[in-house]
N, C-alpha and C. Protein backbone atom coordinates (compact mmCIF):
# COMPACT_ATOMS: atom_id res chain seq x y z
N MET A 1 -30.41 18.22 16.19
CA MET A 1 -29.57 18.08 17.33
C MET A 1 -28.91 19.32 17.41
N SER A 2 -29.29 20.09 18.45
CA SER A 2 -29.16 20.84 19.52
C SER A 2 -27.82 20.32 20.64
N LEU A 3 -26.47 21.03 20.19
CA LEU A 3 -25.15 21.35 20.89
C LEU A 3 -25.11 22.48 21.82
N ASN A 4 -24.75 21.12 23.45
CA ASN A 4 -25.27 22.65 24.09
C ASN A 4 -23.39 22.46 24.45
N ILE A 5 -23.12 23.27 23.58
CA ILE A 5 -21.62 23.96 23.74
C ILE A 5 -21.19 25.53 24.35
N SER A 6 -20.67 25.87 25.45
CA SER A 6 -20.12 27.66 25.37
C SER A 6 -19.52 27.47 24.38
N PHE A 7 -19.48 29.03 24.10
CA PHE A 7 -18.86 29.31 22.57
C PHE A 7 -17.10 28.66 23.27
N PRO A 8 -16.92 28.64 24.10
CA PRO A 8 -14.92 28.62 24.14
C PRO A 8 -14.68 27.29 23.46
N ASP A 9 -16.15 26.25 24.33
CA ASP A 9 -15.56 24.86 23.78
C ASP A 9 -16.30 24.13 22.66
N ALA A 10 -16.64 25.57 22.54
CA ALA A 10 -17.17 25.01 20.04
C ALA A 10 -15.86 25.61 19.71
N GLU A 11 -15.31 26.62 20.40
CA GLU A 11 -14.55 26.45 19.29
C GLU A 11 -13.61 26.20 19.52
N LYS A 12 -13.00 25.78 20.60
CA LYS A 12 -11.92 24.55 20.97
C LYS A 12 -12.13 23.72 20.20
N ARG A 13 -13.24 22.88 20.00
CA ARG A 13 -13.51 22.19 19.32
C ARG A 13 -13.36 22.20 17.92
N VAL A 14 -13.74 22.33 17.34
CA VAL A 14 -14.33 23.00 15.71
C VAL A 14 -12.29 22.99 15.60
N TYR A 15 -11.55 23.68 16.32
CA TYR A 15 -10.49 23.84 15.66
C TYR A 15 -9.33 22.93 16.46
N THR A 16 -9.72 22.32 17.39
CA THR A 16 -9.05 20.69 17.73
C THR A 16 -9.59 20.13 16.71
N LEU A 17 -10.79 19.93 16.28
CA LEU A 17 -10.47 19.30 15.13
C LEU A 17 -10.06 19.11 13.50
N ILE A 18 -9.65 20.76 13.24
CA ILE A 18 -9.44 20.74 12.50
C ILE A 18 -7.87 20.90 12.86
N SER A 19 -7.09 20.86 13.96
CA SER A 19 -6.01 20.48 13.71
C SER A 19 -5.86 18.76 13.34
N LYS A 20 -6.37 18.32 13.71
CA LYS A 20 -6.35 16.67 13.30
C LYS A 20 -6.94 16.71 12.48
N CYS A 21 -7.67 17.28 11.40
CA CYS A 21 -7.75 16.71 9.92
C CYS A 21 -6.50 17.10 9.36
N ARG A 22 -5.67 18.39 9.55
CA ARG A 22 -4.80 18.54 9.45
C ARG A 22 -3.29 16.92 9.16
N ARG A 23 -3.31 16.48 10.80
CA ARG A 23 -2.16 15.92 11.41
C ARG A 23 -2.90 14.24 10.19
N ILE A 24 -3.75 14.10 10.14
CA ILE A 24 -4.60 12.92 8.88
C ILE A 24 -3.92 13.73 8.47
N TYR A 25 -4.11 14.61 7.21
CA TYR A 25 -3.67 15.25 6.12
C TYR A 25 -2.47 14.63 5.60
N HIS A 26 -1.56 15.39 6.82
CA HIS A 26 0.16 15.58 5.69
C HIS A 26 0.86 14.01 6.43
N ILE A 27 -0.26 13.31 7.12
CA ILE A 27 0.50 11.70 7.54
C ILE A 27 -0.19 11.13 6.10
N TYR A 28 -1.04 11.23 5.85
CA TYR A 28 -1.95 9.59 4.94
C TYR A 28 -2.46 11.10 3.57
N GLY A 29 -2.14 12.27 3.06
CA GLY A 29 -2.11 12.65 2.30
C GLY A 29 -1.72 12.58 0.60
N GLY A 30 -0.62 11.47 0.65
CA GLY A 30 0.47 11.59 -0.56
C GLY A 30 -0.23 10.35 -1.27
N CYS A 31 -1.01 9.98 -1.49
CA CYS A 31 -1.61 9.00 -2.38
C CYS A 31 -2.71 9.18 -2.87
N ASP A 32 -4.13 8.29 -2.97
CA ASP A 32 -5.48 8.53 -3.54
C ASP A 32 -6.16 9.29 -3.25
N TYR A 33 -5.96 9.84 -1.98
CA TYR A 33 -7.24 10.68 -1.54
C TYR A 33 -6.10 12.55 -1.15
N HIS A 34 -5.72 12.25 -2.17
CA HIS A 34 -4.69 13.45 -1.60
C HIS A 34 -5.23 14.77 -1.98
N ASP A 35 -6.22 15.05 -3.06
CA ASP A 35 -7.03 15.94 -3.94
C ASP A 35 -8.09 16.17 -3.01
N GLU A 36 -8.61 15.24 -2.69
CA GLU A 36 -10.30 15.47 -1.63
C GLU A 36 -10.15 15.75 -0.07
N MET A 37 -8.48 15.15 0.17
CA MET A 37 -8.46 15.91 1.64
C MET A 37 -8.68 16.91 1.58
N HIS A 38 -7.01 17.36 0.56
CA HIS A 38 -7.20 18.86 0.59
C HIS A 38 -7.99 19.87 -0.22
N TRP A 39 -9.64 19.83 -0.63
CA TRP A 39 -10.25 20.09 -0.81
C TRP A 39 -11.03 20.43 0.02
N GLN A 40 -10.93 19.12 1.29
CA GLN A 40 -12.28 19.23 1.87
C GLN A 40 -11.19 20.07 3.51
N LEU A 41 -10.04 20.28 3.52
CA LEU A 41 -9.11 20.88 4.34
C LEU A 41 -8.86 22.78 3.93
N GLN A 42 -9.96 22.34 2.74
CA GLN A 42 -10.02 24.41 2.28
C GLN A 42 -11.09 24.49 2.17
N GLY A 43 -12.18 23.52 2.17
CA GLY A 43 -13.13 23.71 2.74
C GLY A 43 -13.86 24.50 4.44
N LEU A 44 -13.49 23.08 4.72
CA LEU A 44 -13.60 23.57 6.69
C LEU A 44 -13.15 25.56 6.80
N GLU A 45 -12.00 26.06 6.14
CA GLU A 45 -11.15 27.00 6.65
C GLU A 45 -11.96 27.40 6.24
N SER A 46 -12.44 27.67 4.97
CA SER A 46 -13.70 29.03 4.39
C SER A 46 -14.40 28.90 4.95
N HIS A 47 -15.63 28.19 5.90
CA HIS A 47 -16.29 27.55 6.17
C HIS A 47 -15.71 28.33 7.81
N ILE A 48 -15.35 28.23 8.91
CA ILE A 48 -14.87 28.78 9.62
C ILE A 48 -14.57 30.36 9.27
N ALA A 49 -14.00 30.77 8.80
CA ALA A 49 -13.77 32.67 7.88
C ALA A 49 -13.82 33.35 9.24
N ASP A 50 -15.51 33.23 9.08
CA ASP A 50 -16.08 34.25 9.50
C ASP A 50 -17.25 34.22 10.64
N CYS A 51 -16.97 33.10 11.65
CA CYS A 51 -16.63 32.75 13.06
C CYS A 51 -16.54 33.76 13.82
N VAL A 52 -17.49 34.17 14.20
CA VAL A 52 -16.63 35.52 15.65
C VAL A 52 -18.15 35.47 16.71
N THR A 53 -19.31 35.21 16.62
CA THR A 53 -19.78 34.54 18.05
C THR A 53 -19.98 33.24 17.95
N GLU A 54 -21.13 33.32 19.84
CA GLU A 54 -20.77 31.63 20.14
C GLU A 54 -21.51 30.88 18.69
N LYS A 55 -23.38 31.47 18.35
CA LYS A 55 -23.93 30.77 17.72
C LYS A 55 -23.59 29.85 16.01
N ASP A 56 -21.91 31.24 16.04
CA ASP A 56 -21.29 30.45 14.95
C ASP A 56 -20.34 29.34 14.75
N TYR A 57 -19.90 29.13 15.50
CA TYR A 57 -19.54 27.99 16.01
C TYR A 57 -19.93 27.21 16.50
N GLU A 58 -20.86 27.34 17.04
CA GLU A 58 -21.81 26.42 17.06
C GLU A 58 -22.59 26.09 16.19
N GLY A 59 -22.97 26.46 14.62
CA GLY A 59 -23.14 26.45 13.45
C GLY A 59 -22.91 25.88 12.68
N VAL A 60 -21.42 25.96 12.87
CA VAL A 60 -19.87 25.54 11.76
C VAL A 60 -19.47 24.13 12.55
N LEU A 61 -20.08 23.75 13.70
CA LEU A 61 -19.63 22.18 14.49
C LEU A 61 -20.25 21.57 14.11
N GLU A 62 -21.45 21.09 14.46
CA GLU A 62 -21.56 20.16 13.22
C GLU A 62 -20.65 19.14 11.73
N ASP A 63 -20.35 21.00 10.92
CA ASP A 63 -20.55 20.10 9.65
C ASP A 63 -18.37 20.01 10.11
N VAL A 64 -18.44 20.21 10.94
CA VAL A 64 -16.18 19.88 11.26
C VAL A 64 -16.34 18.88 11.71
N GLU A 65 -17.02 18.17 12.53
CA GLU A 65 -17.18 17.09 13.38
C GLU A 65 -17.51 15.98 12.14
N THR A 66 -19.25 16.62 11.16
CA THR A 66 -18.99 15.11 9.98
C THR A 66 -17.70 15.24 9.25
N THR A 67 -16.86 16.23 8.26
CA THR A 67 -15.62 16.37 7.91
C THR A 67 -14.83 15.53 8.80
N PHE A 68 -14.32 15.91 10.53
CA PHE A 68 -13.37 14.68 11.31
C PHE A 68 -13.07 13.50 10.93
N ARG A 69 -14.86 12.80 10.68
CA ARG A 69 -15.02 11.46 10.54
C ARG A 69 -15.00 11.22 9.32
N TRP A 70 -14.51 12.00 8.15
CA TRP A 70 -14.66 11.74 6.80
C TRP A 70 -12.87 11.38 7.19
N PHE A 71 -12.57 12.17 7.02
CA PHE A 71 -10.76 11.90 7.34
C PHE A 71 -10.00 11.40 8.07
N LYS A 72 -11.47 10.38 9.68
CA LYS A 72 -10.54 9.28 9.98
C LYS A 72 -11.35 8.16 9.20
N TYR A 73 -12.21 7.69 8.35
CA TYR A 73 -11.93 7.05 7.24
C TYR A 73 -11.01 6.60 6.44
N ILE A 74 -10.88 7.63 5.74
CA ILE A 74 -9.85 7.79 4.97
C ILE A 74 -8.20 7.00 5.47
N GLU A 75 -7.92 8.02 6.71
CA GLU A 75 -7.04 7.10 8.13
C GLU A 75 -6.95 5.72 8.39
N LYS A 76 -8.58 5.44 8.47
CA LYS A 76 -8.18 3.60 8.30
C LYS A 76 -8.04 2.69 6.73
N ILE A 77 -8.52 3.46 6.04
CA ILE A 77 -8.51 3.16 4.79
C ILE A 77 -6.55 3.12 4.90
N ARG A 78 -6.24 4.10 4.75
CA ARG A 78 -4.77 4.01 4.46
C ARG A 78 -4.16 3.54 5.43
N VAL A 79 -4.53 3.13 6.63
CA VAL A 79 -3.21 2.20 7.56
C VAL A 79 -3.57 0.62 6.79
N LEU A 80 -5.18 0.71 6.06
CA LEU A 80 -5.60 -1.01 5.50
C LEU A 80 -4.20 -1.17 4.56
N GLN A 81 -4.39 0.00 3.71
CA GLN A 81 -3.38 0.19 2.60
C GLN A 81 -2.68 -0.99 3.09
N GLU A 82 -1.84 0.29 3.63
CA GLU A 82 -0.40 0.36 3.84
C GLU A 82 -0.19 -1.31 5.12
N ASN A 83 -1.30 -2.19 5.31
CA ASN A 83 -0.13 -3.11 6.13
C ASN A 83 -1.18 -4.11 5.30
N LEU A 84 -1.14 -3.71 4.15
CA LEU A 84 -1.85 -5.77 3.43
C LEU A 84 -1.10 -5.93 3.24
N PRO A 85 -0.90 -7.48 3.71
CA PRO A 85 -0.19 -8.08 2.87
C PRO A 85 0.23 -9.21 2.29
N PRO A 86 0.99 -9.29 1.24
CA PRO A 86 1.87 -9.65 0.35
C PRO A 86 0.30 -10.95 -0.20
N SER A 87 0.38 -10.59 -1.16
CA SER A 87 -0.65 -12.09 -2.23
C SER A 87 0.22 -12.84 -2.71
N LEU A 88 0.03 -14.46 -2.28
CA LEU A 88 0.79 -15.42 -3.10
C LEU A 88 0.71 -15.82 -4.16
N PHE A 89 -0.80 -15.79 -4.73
CA PHE A 89 -0.93 -16.47 -5.21
C PHE A 89 -1.26 -15.17 -6.51
N CYS A 90 -0.50 -14.47 -7.56
CA CYS A 90 -1.36 -13.73 -8.63
C CYS A 90 -1.02 -13.50 -9.71
């Protein structure tokens, strides 16, 4: 899959997605998925730590997007858990 994103766009997209992942972590990270979310953020930060060039950011962008989708799934799960209606017959 080839991404036609210029360096400033790729870098901005990477940091925007990581920021969104952090927001999801801070809002929904206190329960079942806390540790996994923490390690995903640590992995993202170490993955982009050495990015300097356009190719570097383009190279990590796919991994960052995949990790962001994972965070979005966790967010959906947590929203469903928090809005679970009470069961009457337990």
